[in-house]
Amino acid sequence: MPKPSLLSLLRKVHRDEGGAVSLETILIIGAIALPILIFLIKVGWPRIKSYFNQGLTDLEEGSQEAIQ
């Protein structure tokens, strides 16, 4: 059986559209997820950070009271 040439392999890959749907789906998901992530990082992260920092502060104060 002869080995297929590089040109014939490239033509076969170019004609194959099986992965096009998957790629389009990934691009759509990325186009939706990226703005959401940017929003969460810019707006939500400071709130989340302050919430957990307050919780840690309360926990440290509670542990200091328990020690005394």
N, C-alpha and C. Protein backbone atom coordinates (compact mmCIF):
# COMPACT_ATOMS: atom_id res chain seq x y z
N MET A 1 0.85 -1.17 0.00
CA MET A 1 0.00 0.00 0.00
C MET A 1 0.90 1.23 0.00
N PRO A 2 0.72 2.12 -0.96
CA PRO A 2 1.59 3.30 -1.03
C PRO A 2 1.26 4.30 0.08
N LYS A 3 2.29 4.96 0.52
CA LYS A 3 2.14 5.96 1.57
C LYS A 3 1.50 7.22 0.97
N PRO A 4 0.44 7.75 1.61
CA PRO A 4 -0.20 8.94 1.05
C PRO A 4 0.73 10.15 1.16
N SER A 5 0.64 10.98 0.16
CA SER A 5 1.52 12.15 0.14
C SER A 5 0.97 13.22 1.09
N LEU A 6 1.83 14.14 1.43
CA LEU A 6 1.45 15.23 2.33
C LEU A 6 0.34 16.07 1.71
N LEU A 7 0.42 16.29 0.42
CA LEU A 7 -0.59 17.09 -0.26
C LEU A 7 -1.96 16.42 -0.19
N SER A 8 -2.00 15.10 -0.37
CA SER A 8 -3.29 14.41 -0.30
C SER A 8 -3.85 14.43 1.12
N LEU A 9 -2.98 14.34 2.12
CA LEU A 9 -3.44 14.43 3.50
C LEU A 9 -4.00 15.82 3.81
N LEU A 10 -3.32 16.86 3.32
CA LEU A 10 -3.81 18.22 3.54
C LEU A 10 -5.16 18.44 2.87
N ARG A 11 -5.33 17.91 1.69
CA ARG A 11 -6.62 18.03 1.00
C ARG A 11 -7.73 17.32 1.77
N LYS A 12 -7.41 16.14 2.29
CA LYS A 12 -8.40 15.38 3.05
C LYS A 12 -8.79 16.13 4.32
N VAL A 13 -7.83 16.69 5.01
CA VAL A 13 -8.11 17.45 6.23
C VAL A 13 -8.91 18.70 5.90
N HIS A 14 -8.59 19.36 4.81
CA HIS A 14 -9.28 20.58 4.41
C HIS A 14 -10.75 20.30 4.08
N ARG A 15 -11.03 19.16 3.48
CA ARG A 15 -12.41 18.81 3.12
C ARG A 15 -13.22 18.33 4.32
N ASP A 16 -12.55 17.81 5.33
CA ASP A 16 -13.24 17.27 6.49
C ASP A 16 -13.82 18.41 7.34
N GLU A 17 -15.13 18.39 7.56
CA GLU A 17 -15.78 19.43 8.34
C GLU A 17 -16.32 18.89 9.66
N GLY A 18 -15.86 17.74 10.07
CA GLY A 18 -16.37 17.12 11.29
C GLY A 18 -16.07 17.90 12.55
N GLY A 19 -14.94 18.55 12.62
CA GLY A 19 -14.58 19.30 13.81
C GLY A 19 -15.06 20.73 13.81
N ALA A 20 -15.68 21.17 12.72
CA ALA A 20 -16.11 22.57 12.61
C ALA A 20 -17.18 22.90 13.64
N VAL A 21 -18.10 21.98 13.88
CA VAL A 21 -19.17 22.23 14.84
C VAL A 21 -18.60 22.35 16.24
N SER A 22 -17.66 21.49 16.58
CA SER A 22 -17.04 21.55 17.89
C SER A 22 -16.29 22.86 18.08
N LEU A 23 -15.56 23.27 17.08
CA LEU A 23 -14.82 24.52 17.16
C LEU A 23 -15.75 25.71 17.29
N GLU A 24 -16.83 25.72 16.53
CA GLU A 24 -17.80 26.81 16.64
C GLU A 24 -18.43 26.85 18.02
N THR A 25 -18.74 25.69 18.58
CA THR A 25 -19.32 25.63 19.91
C THR A 25 -18.35 26.18 20.95
N ILE A 26 -17.08 25.81 20.84
CA ILE A 26 -16.07 26.30 21.78
C ILE A 26 -15.92 27.80 21.67
N LEU A 27 -15.93 28.32 20.46
CA LEU A 27 -15.81 29.77 20.27
C LEU A 27 -17.01 30.51 20.85
N ILE A 28 -18.20 29.98 20.69
CA ILE A 28 -19.40 30.61 21.25
C ILE A 28 -19.36 30.60 22.77
N ILE A 29 -18.98 29.47 23.35
CA ILE A 29 -18.87 29.38 24.80
C ILE A 29 -17.83 30.36 25.32
N GLY A 30 -16.70 30.45 24.62
CA GLY A 30 -15.66 31.41 25.01
C GLY A 30 -16.13 32.85 24.91
N ALA A 31 -16.91 33.15 23.86
CA ALA A 31 -17.41 34.52 23.69
C ALA A 31 -18.40 34.89 24.78
N ILE A 32 -19.09 33.92 25.33
CA ILE A 32 -20.02 34.18 26.43
C ILE A 32 -19.28 34.21 27.76
N ALA A 33 -18.35 33.28 27.97
CA ALA A 33 -17.69 33.15 29.26
C ALA A 33 -16.69 34.26 29.53
N LEU A 34 -16.01 34.74 28.51
CA LEU A 34 -14.97 35.75 28.72
C LEU A 34 -15.51 37.04 29.32
N PRO A 35 -16.58 37.63 28.80
CA PRO A 35 -17.10 38.85 29.46
C PRO A 35 -17.60 38.60 30.88
N ILE A 36 -18.17 37.42 31.12
CA ILE A 36 -18.62 37.09 32.47
C ILE A 36 -17.43 37.03 33.42
N LEU A 37 -16.35 36.38 33.00
CA LEU A 37 -15.15 36.31 33.84
C LEU A 37 -14.55 37.68 34.09
N ILE A 38 -14.50 38.51 33.06
CA ILE A 38 -13.96 39.86 33.23
C ILE A 38 -14.82 40.64 34.23
N PHE A 39 -16.13 40.53 34.12
CA PHE A 39 -17.03 41.22 35.05
C PHE A 39 -16.81 40.73 36.48
N LEU A 40 -16.71 39.41 36.65
CA LEU A 40 -16.52 38.88 38.00
C LEU A 40 -15.19 39.32 38.60
N ILE A 41 -14.15 39.37 37.78
CA ILE A 41 -12.84 39.78 38.29
C ILE A 41 -12.85 41.26 38.66
N LYS A 42 -13.45 42.09 37.81
CA LYS A 42 -13.44 43.54 38.06
C LYS A 42 -14.41 43.95 39.17
N VAL A 43 -15.60 43.38 39.19
CA VAL A 43 -16.64 43.83 40.12
C VAL A 43 -16.77 42.88 41.31
N GLY A 44 -16.83 41.61 41.05
CA GLY A 44 -17.12 40.65 42.11
C GLY A 44 -15.96 40.32 43.01
N TRP A 45 -14.74 40.32 42.47
CA TRP A 45 -13.59 39.90 43.27
C TRP A 45 -13.35 40.77 44.49
N PRO A 46 -13.42 42.11 44.40
CA PRO A 46 -13.24 42.90 45.63
C PRO A 46 -14.28 42.57 46.70
N ARG A 47 -15.52 42.31 46.29
CA ARG A 47 -16.55 41.94 47.27
C ARG A 47 -16.24 40.59 47.90
N ILE A 48 -15.86 39.63 47.09
CA ILE A 48 -15.54 38.29 47.60
C ILE A 48 -14.34 38.37 48.54
N LYS A 49 -13.33 39.13 48.14
CA LYS A 49 -12.12 39.27 48.95
C LYS A 49 -12.44 39.90 50.30
N SER A 50 -13.23 40.98 50.31
CA SER A 50 -13.56 41.63 51.58
C SER A 50 -14.42 40.72 52.45
N TYR A 51 -15.30 39.94 51.84
CA TYR A 51 -16.14 39.01 52.60
C TYR A 51 -15.28 37.97 53.32
N PHE A 52 -14.32 37.38 52.62
CA PHE A 52 -13.48 36.37 53.25
C PHE A 52 -12.50 36.99 54.23
N ASN A 53 -12.00 38.18 53.94
CA ASN A 53 -11.11 38.84 54.90
C ASN A 53 -11.85 39.15 56.19
N GLN A 54 -13.10 39.59 56.10
CA GLN A 54 -13.90 39.85 57.30
C GLN A 54 -14.13 38.55 58.07
N GLY A 55 -14.39 37.47 57.36
CA GLY A 55 -14.57 36.18 58.01
C GLY A 55 -13.31 35.71 58.72
N LEU A 56 -12.16 35.93 58.09
CA LEU A 56 -10.89 35.56 58.74
C LEU A 56 -10.63 36.42 59.97
N THR A 57 -10.95 37.70 59.88
CA THR A 57 -10.77 38.59 61.02
C THR A 57 -11.66 38.14 62.18
N ASP A 58 -12.91 37.83 61.90
CA ASP A 58 -13.82 37.35 62.95
C ASP A 58 -13.31 36.05 63.55
N LEU A 59 -12.78 35.17 62.72
CA LEU A 59 -12.26 33.89 63.20
C LEU A 59 -11.04 34.11 64.10
N GLU A 60 -10.15 35.01 63.71
CA GLU A 60 -8.97 35.31 64.53
C GLU A 60 -9.37 35.92 65.86
N GLU A 61 -10.33 36.84 65.85
CA GLU A 61 -10.79 37.45 67.10
C GLU A 61 -11.44 36.41 68.00
N GLY A 62 -12.21 35.51 67.40
CA GLY A 62 -12.85 34.46 68.18
C GLY A 62 -11.84 33.51 68.79
N SER A 63 -10.78 33.20 68.05
CA SER A 63 -9.77 32.30 68.60
C SER A 63 -8.96 32.98 69.70
N GLN A 64 -8.73 34.28 69.58
CA GLN A 64 -8.02 35.01 70.63
C GLN A 64 -8.86 35.06 71.91
N GLU A 65 -10.17 35.24 71.77
CA GLU A 65 -11.06 35.25 72.93
C GLU A 65 -11.12 33.87 73.58
N ALA A 66 -11.05 32.81 72.79
CA ALA A 66 -11.10 31.46 73.33
C ALA A 66 -9.83 31.13 74.09
N ILE A 67 -8.70 31.68 73.65
CA ILE A 67 -7.43 31.41 74.32
C ILE A 67 -7.39 32.10 75.68
N GLN A 68 -7.95 33.30 75.77
CA GLN A 68 -7.90 34.06 77.04
C GLN A 68 -8.92 33.57 77.96
